[in-house]
Amino acid sequence: MAVSETGALTLGRAVPSLVRWGVSADADLVYRCLASFGPRGAGEVAADLGLAPRRVRVALEELVEAGLVRGEPDAHGVEAGRWNAVAPAAAVQALRRRALHRIPTGGPDRRERGPVPTRLLPDLRATRERIAGLVAVERVEHLAMNPEQAFTTDTLAIGSAIDADLLGRRVRVRSLGLPPADGDRSSAYTAEFARLGGEYRLADRVPHKMMIFDRRVALVAVDPLDLERGSWEFTDPGAVESLVTLFARQWSGATDPRRNGVPTVVLTQREKAVVALLADGHTDATAAKHLGMSTRTLTYTLRGLMDRFGVENRFQLGLALGAMRAAAPPGPAGDELAEGSGQ
């Protein structure tokens, strides 16, 4: 499977990046290799990726612990086993659940004060109705924490209307979220949100889904992965204060994508042409001839792409191009992921 440095470029499947969920870069590459090309032994993966066997072994151990690959290591350890990646959707869901931490519901004296008074909003409809009522009377500050990487058209429409209303009334709005999934449609909304004066930051992990209204009332999703299960409403000052503290801690460690974020990788027309030809099976020489450039120029173009994606060789670049959707992987496998990768 390994491809020479002057051979065709093999694109991997368009699976979401797992690095944003706390997975190491090596483990992400190993997972993508297995997800793209099927079961392999550690030695095969090392050869394909051009990584030292030790790095692959450590990456496999990390993936096994996270439940992202399956296999049966023998007495000699992971090197002798044959490994298969779980489905990308299942992998992302497992990592999301792992990232959800238990939210504190009170201060140091909570045990002495008894249970925190709460009210259950039983479903999504009840939650949205309550949000509308609370937004109508907000005057100072609205805090939102969203663990989703992709949003439905319906959710975006409702959220944009709420934010426009709040910002139009000069309510301070701060929103904390994850880097968007590949193909997410919220980029235009985020730009408009910032233009209207909203504050937005991205974090590698977001512990839960919640909204806090004027630091008086907080709504926390029962299950961030299933909003139809409704929300808990907190009005106890100590509980709300703890949730505000949680938000502030997460906010302080997050990044403003307009200032320090990593820009989306966009290929130039030349880079797109080079990638397309190499993915179709051309060698450097035939691709360069087809594009009317020297082989050296084509090689420099590829080297520049590797540097931008932070990878070490062409095989890794193919996986990065597929996973980051900078190029669409050919064949039904890529099409299948294209439909299901928005989480």
Protein backbone atom coordinates (compact mmCIF):
# COMPACT_ATOMS: atom_id res chain seq x y z
CA MET A 1 0.00 0.00 0.00
CA ALA A 2 2.87 2.39 0.61
CA VAL A 3 3.37 4.77 -2.32
CA SER A 4 6.74 5.97 -3.54
CA GLU A 5 7.60 9.62 -3.41
CA THR A 6 7.16 9.89 -7.20
CA GLY A 7 4.10 7.68 -7.57
CA ALA A 8 0.33 8.14 -7.61
CA LEU A 9 -1.40 9.75 -4.65
CA THR A 10 -3.87 7.54 -2.77
CA LEU A 11 -6.65 9.53 -1.14
CA GLY A 12 -8.19 8.27 2.08
CA ARG A 13 -11.81 8.28 3.10
CA ALA A 14 -13.34 11.58 4.18
CA VAL A 15 -13.53 10.78 7.88
CA PRO A 16 -13.71 13.59 10.47
CA SER A 17 -10.48 14.57 12.19
CA LEU A 18 -10.19 12.99 15.63
CA VAL A 19 -7.47 15.38 16.84
CA ARG A 20 -10.12 17.90 17.86
CA TRP A 21 -11.39 15.30 20.34
CA GLY A 22 -8.05 14.94 22.10
CA VAL A 23 -6.63 12.10 19.97
CA SER A 24 -2.93 12.42 19.16
CA ALA A 25 -1.83 13.19 15.60
CA ASP A 26 -0.20 9.76 15.23
CA ALA A 27 -3.31 7.97 16.48
CA ASP A 28 -5.45 10.03 14.11
CA LEU A 29 -3.28 9.00 11.16
CA VAL A 30 -3.31 5.33 12.19
CA TYR A 31 -7.10 5.39 12.60
CA ARG A 32 -7.58 7.02 9.19
CA CYS A 33 -5.28 4.47 7.59
CA LEU A 34 -7.33 1.58 9.01
CA ALA A 35 -10.66 3.29 8.25
CA SER A 36 -9.61 3.97 4.66
CA PHE A 37 -7.85 0.76 3.70
CA GLY A 38 -9.18 -1.95 6.00
CA PRO A 39 -7.69 -4.30 8.61
CA ARG A 40 -3.91 -4.27 8.97
CA GLY A 41 -1.14 -5.33 11.27
CA ALA A 42 0.99 -2.77 13.04
CA GLY A 43 3.92 -3.46 10.73
CA GLU A 44 1.80 -2.84 7.64
CA VAL A 45 0.49 0.42 9.08
CA ALA A 46 4.02 1.55 9.91
CA ALA A 47 5.14 0.80 6.36
CA ASP A 48 2.13 2.54 4.81
CA LEU A 49 2.46 5.69 6.90
CA GLY A 50 6.24 5.80 6.97
CA LEU A 51 6.18 5.94 10.77
CA ALA A 52 8.53 4.21 13.19
CA PRO A 53 6.99 0.97 14.57
CA ARG A 54 7.22 2.39 18.09
CA ARG A 55 5.04 5.37 17.14
CA VAL A 56 2.47 3.07 15.56
CA ARG A 57 2.45 0.82 18.62
CA VAL A 58 1.82 3.77 20.96
CA ALA A 59 -0.91 5.08 18.64
CA LEU A 60 -2.64 1.69 18.52
CA GLU A 61 -2.57 1.42 22.29
CA GLU A 62 -4.22 4.85 22.49
CA LEU A 63 -6.89 3.83 19.94
CA VAL A 64 -7.58 0.54 21.73
CA GLU A 65 -8.01 2.33 25.04
CA ALA A 66 -10.46 4.78 23.42
CA GLY A 67 -12.38 1.92 21.78
CA LEU A 68 -11.69 3.19 18.25
CA VAL A 69 -10.04 0.05 16.86
CA ARG A 70 -10.71 -3.61 17.41
CA GLY A 71 -8.42 -6.58 17.18
CA GLU A 72 -6.74 -9.34 19.12
CA PRO A 73 -3.15 -8.70 20.20
CA ASP A 74 -1.34 -11.91 21.08
CA ALA A 75 1.28 -12.48 23.76
CA HIS A 76 3.71 -10.30 21.82
CA GLY A 77 1.51 -7.19 22.11
CA VAL A 78 -0.16 -4.91 19.57
CA GLU A 79 2.57 -5.43 16.97
CA ALA A 80 1.42 -8.98 16.26
CA GLY A 81 -2.31 -8.28 16.12
CA ARG A 82 -4.47 -7.34 13.15
CA TRP A 83 -6.54 -4.23 13.67
CA ASN A 84 -9.76 -2.86 12.27
CA ALA A 85 -11.19 0.65 12.79
CA VAL A 86 -14.72 1.11 14.12
CA ALA A 87 -17.03 3.11 11.86
CA PRO A 88 -16.20 6.85 11.82
CA ALA A 89 -19.64 7.84 13.12
CA ALA A 90 -19.26 5.43 16.05
CA ALA A 91 -15.72 6.69 16.73
CA VAL A 92 -16.82 10.32 16.88
CA GLN A 93 -19.77 9.46 19.11
CA ALA A 94 -17.51 7.53 21.49
CA LEU A 95 -15.10 10.46 21.72
CA ARG A 96 -17.92 12.93 22.26
CA ARG A 97 -19.30 10.88 25.12
CA ARG A 98 -15.84 10.61 26.64
CA ALA A 99 -15.52 14.41 26.51
CA LEU A 100 -18.72 15.05 28.42
CA HIS A 101 -17.71 15.73 31.99
CA ARG A 102 -20.04 15.79 34.97
CA ILE A 103 -21.12 19.37 35.59
CA PRO A 104 -20.80 20.72 39.15
CA THR A 105 -24.12 21.78 40.59
CA GLY A 106 -23.15 23.79 43.62
CA GLY A 107 -20.48 25.36 45.77
CA PRO A 108 -18.47 23.87 48.62
CA ASP A 109 -21.43 23.90 50.95
CA ARG A 110 -23.83 22.17 48.57
CA ARG A 111 -23.97 18.97 50.63
CA GLU A 112 -25.09 20.88 53.71
CA ARG A 113 -27.69 22.86 51.76
CA GLY A 114 -29.45 19.81 50.30
CA PRO A 115 -30.47 19.00 46.72
CA VAL A 116 -30.40 21.73 44.09
CA PRO A 117 -33.94 22.71 43.04
CA THR A 118 -34.45 21.98 39.36
CA ARG A 119 -37.27 21.70 36.85
CA LEU A 120 -37.33 19.22 33.98
CA LEU A 121 -38.31 20.49 30.55
CA PRO A 122 -39.33 17.13 29.07
CA ASP A 123 -38.51 17.55 25.39
CA LEU A 124 -37.00 19.81 22.73
CA ARG A 125 -40.24 21.67 22.14
CA ALA A 126 -40.62 22.57 25.81
CA THR A 127 -36.96 23.63 25.93
CA ARG A 128 -37.34 25.92 22.91
CA GLU A 129 -40.48 27.49 24.35
CA ARG A 130 -38.70 28.18 27.64
CA ILE A 131 -35.68 29.64 25.81
CA ALA A 132 -37.97 32.00 23.92
CA GLY A 133 -39.52 33.21 27.18
CA LEU A 134 -36.17 33.74 28.89
CA VAL A 135 -34.63 35.49 25.88
CA ALA A 136 -37.55 37.93 25.78
CA VAL A 137 -36.64 39.29 29.22
CA GLU A 138 -32.83 39.11 28.98
CA ARG A 139 -31.15 42.48 29.46
CA VAL A 140 -27.45 42.01 30.18
CA GLU A 141 -25.71 38.77 29.14
CA HIS A 142 -26.41 35.51 27.31
CA LEU A 143 -23.93 32.61 27.57
CA ALA A 144 -24.14 29.54 25.33
CA MET A 145 -22.09 26.36 25.25
CA ASN A 146 -22.58 24.04 22.26
CA PRO A 147 -20.85 20.65 21.87
CA GLU A 148 -22.25 20.07 18.36
CA GLN A 149 -19.92 20.15 15.37
CA ALA A 150 -22.71 20.50 12.85
CA PHE A 151 -26.16 22.09 13.07
CA THR A 152 -29.39 21.44 11.21
CA THR A 153 -30.97 24.17 9.09
CA ASP A 154 -33.79 24.41 11.62
CA THR A 155 -31.42 24.85 14.56
CA LEU A 156 -29.39 27.49 12.72
CA ALA A 157 -32.51 29.45 11.81
CA ILE A 158 -33.77 29.49 15.40
CA GLY A 159 -30.34 30.28 16.85
CA SER A 160 -29.63 33.10 14.41
CA ALA A 161 -32.99 34.74 15.15
CA ILE A 162 -32.35 34.59 18.91
CA ASP A 163 -28.85 36.01 18.59
CA ALA A 164 -29.95 38.80 16.24
CA ASP A 165 -32.69 39.78 18.70
CA LEU A 166 -30.32 39.80 21.69
CA LEU A 167 -27.54 41.66 19.93
CA GLY A 168 -30.04 44.16 18.56
CA ARG A 169 -31.03 44.92 22.17
CA ARG A 170 -27.33 45.28 23.08
CA VAL A 171 -27.28 42.15 25.21
CA ARG A 172 -23.78 40.70 25.40
CA VAL A 173 -23.76 37.28 23.71
CA ARG A 174 -20.88 34.83 24.17
CA SER A 175 -20.95 31.48 22.40
CA LEU A 176 -18.49 28.63 22.96
CA GLY A 177 -18.32 25.70 20.55
CA LEU A 178 -16.20 23.10 18.79
CA PRO A 179 -14.43 23.49 15.46
CA PRO A 180 -17.12 22.80 12.85
CA ALA A 181 -17.38 19.42 11.20
CA ASP A 182 -16.45 19.01 7.54
CA GLY A 183 -19.31 20.30 5.44
CA ASP A 184 -21.07 22.12 8.30
CA ARG A 185 -23.26 24.94 7.05
CA SER A 186 -22.78 27.32 9.99
CA SER A 187 -19.82 29.32 8.63
CA ALA A 188 -21.99 32.08 7.12
CA TYR A 189 -24.03 32.26 10.33
CA THR A 190 -20.87 32.58 12.45
CA ALA A 191 -19.61 35.43 10.26
CA GLU A 192 -22.91 37.28 10.60
CA PHE A 193 -22.96 36.62 14.35
CA ALA A 194 -19.51 38.23 14.67
CA ARG A 195 -20.51 41.14 12.43
CA LEU A 196 -23.46 41.92 14.71
CA GLY A 197 -21.16 42.02 17.74
CA GLY A 198 -21.39 38.48 19.09
CA GLU A 199 -18.35 36.91 20.74
CA TYR A 200 -17.41 33.42 19.62
CA ARG A 201 -14.64 31.04 20.67
CA LEU A 202 -13.64 27.49 19.77
CA ALA A 203 -12.37 24.79 22.13
CA ASP A 204 -11.03 21.28 21.58
CA ARG A 205 -13.59 19.97 24.06
CA VAL A 206 -16.90 21.36 25.30
CA PRO A 207 -18.16 19.59 28.44
CA HIS A 208 -21.91 20.03 27.96
CA LYS A 209 -24.70 21.91 26.20
CA MET A 210 -26.19 24.77 28.16
CA MET A 211 -27.47 28.36 28.12
CA ILE A 212 -27.26 30.90 30.93
CA PHE A 213 -29.61 33.88 30.96
CA ASP A 214 -28.47 37.04 32.77
CA ARG A 215 -26.71 34.77 35.29
CA ARG A 216 -30.12 34.06 36.84
CA VAL A 217 -31.37 30.96 35.02
CA ALA A 218 -29.47 28.11 33.36
CA LEU A 219 -30.73 25.41 31.02
CA VAL A 220 -28.61 22.26 30.74
CA ALA A 221 -29.38 19.50 28.23
CA VAL A 222 -30.33 16.16 29.75
CA ASP A 223 -28.33 14.47 26.97
CA PRO A 224 -26.28 16.66 24.60
CA LEU A 225 -26.40 13.88 22.00
CA ASP A 226 -30.20 13.68 22.08
CA LEU A 227 -31.86 17.06 22.59
CA GLU A 228 -35.31 15.47 22.35
CA ARG A 229 -34.77 14.32 25.95
CA GLY A 230 -35.19 17.90 27.12
CA SER A 231 -33.32 20.06 29.60
CA TRP A 232 -32.88 20.75 33.29
CA GLU A 233 -33.67 24.29 34.43
CA PHE A 234 -31.58 25.69 37.31
CA THR A 235 -32.60 28.82 39.19
CA ASP A 236 -30.73 28.26 42.47
CA PRO A 237 -28.10 31.07 42.68
CA GLY A 238 -25.34 28.70 43.82
CA ALA A 239 -25.98 26.25 41.00
CA VAL A 240 -26.14 29.00 38.37
CA GLU A 241 -22.94 30.54 39.75
CA SER A 242 -21.17 27.18 39.42
CA LEU A 243 -22.29 26.88 35.81
CA VAL A 244 -21.13 30.42 35.08
CA THR A 245 -17.74 29.51 36.59
CA LEU A 246 -17.61 26.42 34.38
CA PHE A 247 -18.36 28.54 31.31
CA ALA A 248 -15.75 31.14 32.25
CA ARG A 249 -13.09 28.46 32.74
CA GLN A 250 -13.82 26.91 29.35
CA TRP A 251 -14.01 30.32 27.69
CA SER A 252 -10.63 31.44 29.03
CA GLY A 253 -8.94 28.38 27.51
CA ALA A 254 -10.69 28.67 24.13
CA THR A 255 -9.53 30.40 20.93
CA ASP A 256 -11.04 33.25 18.96
CA PRO A 257 -10.93 31.83 15.41
CA ARG A 258 -10.80 35.34 13.94
CA ARG A 259 -7.51 36.01 15.68
CA ASN A 260 -5.66 32.81 16.52
CA GLY A 261 -7.60 30.04 14.84
CA VAL A 262 -6.21 27.73 12.19
CA PRO A 263 -7.60 28.78 8.78
CA THR A 264 -9.35 26.27 6.60
CA VAL A 265 -6.96 24.72 4.10
CA VAL A 266 -7.96 25.88 0.62
CA LEU A 267 -6.18 24.43 -2.39
CA THR A 268 -5.04 26.62 -5.25
CA GLN A 269 -6.06 25.67 -8.78
CA ARG A 270 -2.57 24.28 -9.39
CA GLU A 271 -2.70 22.19 -6.22
CA LYS A 272 -6.15 20.87 -7.11
CA ALA A 273 -4.93 19.88 -10.57
CA VAL A 274 -1.83 18.15 -9.19
CA VAL A 275 -3.82 16.22 -6.59
CA ALA A 276 -6.48 15.19 -9.13
CA LEU A 277 -3.94 13.85 -11.62
CA LEU A 278 -1.89 11.98 -9.02
CA ALA A 279 -5.07 10.51 -7.53
CA ASP A 280 -6.00 9.28 -11.02
CA GLY A 281 -2.77 7.30 -11.17
CA HIS A 282 -0.33 9.67 -12.86
CA THR A 283 3.30 9.73 -11.86
CA ASP A 284 5.06 13.00 -11.14
CA ALA A 285 6.52 13.03 -14.63
CA THR A 286 3.26 12.41 -16.50
CA ALA A 287 1.30 14.80 -14.27
CA ALA A 288 3.91 17.53 -14.77
CA LYS A 289 3.85 17.03 -18.53
CA HIS A 290 0.05 17.17 -18.56
CA LEU A 291 0.11 20.49 -16.63
CA GLY A 292 2.98 21.99 -18.60
CA MET A 293 5.31 22.33 -15.62
CA SER A 294 8.61 20.81 -14.59
CA THR A 295 8.73 17.73 -12.40
CA ARG A 296 10.64 19.78 -9.85
CA THR A 297 7.83 22.38 -9.70
CA LEU A 298 5.27 19.64 -9.16
CA THR A 299 7.38 18.13 -6.38
CA TYR A 300 7.68 21.54 -4.70
CA THR A 301 3.90 21.94 -4.93
CA LEU A 302 3.38 18.64 -3.14
CA ARG A 303 6.02 19.48 -0.54
CA GLY A 304 4.21 22.74 0.18
CA LEU A 305 0.95 20.84 0.69
CA MET A 306 2.63 18.42 3.11
CA ASP A 307 3.99 21.35 5.12
CA ARG A 308 0.57 23.04 5.27
CA PHE A 309 -1.15 19.85 6.42
CA GLY A 310 1.64 18.98 8.85
CA VAL A 311 2.32 15.52 7.38
CA GLU A 312 5.53 13.73 6.54
CA ASN A 313 4.95 11.90 3.25
CA ARG A 314 2.53 11.40 0.38
CA PHE A 315 0.60 8.58 1.94
CA GLN A 316 -0.13 10.73 4.99
CA LEU A 317 -1.02 13.62 2.67
CA GLY A 318 -3.58 11.44 0.90
CA LEU A 319 -5.23 10.62 4.22
CA ALA A 320 -5.22 14.29 5.25
CA LEU A 321 -6.72 15.41 1.93
CA GLY A 322 -9.49 12.86 2.25
CA ALA A 323 -10.18 13.53 5.92
CA MET A 324 -10.12 17.30 5.58
CA ARG A 325 -12.21 17.23 2.39
CA ALA A 326 -9.71 19.35 0.53
CA ALA A 327 -10.15 16.75 -2.19
CA ALA A 328 -13.01 14.32 -2.65
CA PRO A 329 -11.91 10.69 -2.48
CA PRO A 330 -12.92 8.67 -5.53
CA GLY A 331 -15.27 5.71 -5.47
CA PRO A 332 -18.29 4.65 -3.44
CA ALA A 333 -16.40 4.53 -0.13
CA GLY A 334 -15.78 8.27 -0.28
CA ASP A 335 -19.34 9.00 -1.36
CA GLU A 336 -20.68 6.98 1.56
CA LEU A 337 -18.66 8.99 4.08
CA ALA A 338 -19.55 12.26 2.39
CA GLU A 339 -23.18 11.64 3.27
CA GLY A 340 -22.60 10.64 6.89
CA SER A 341 -19.60 12.57 8.17
CA GLY A 342 -21.44 15.64 9.48
CA GLN A 343 -21.87 14.82 13.16
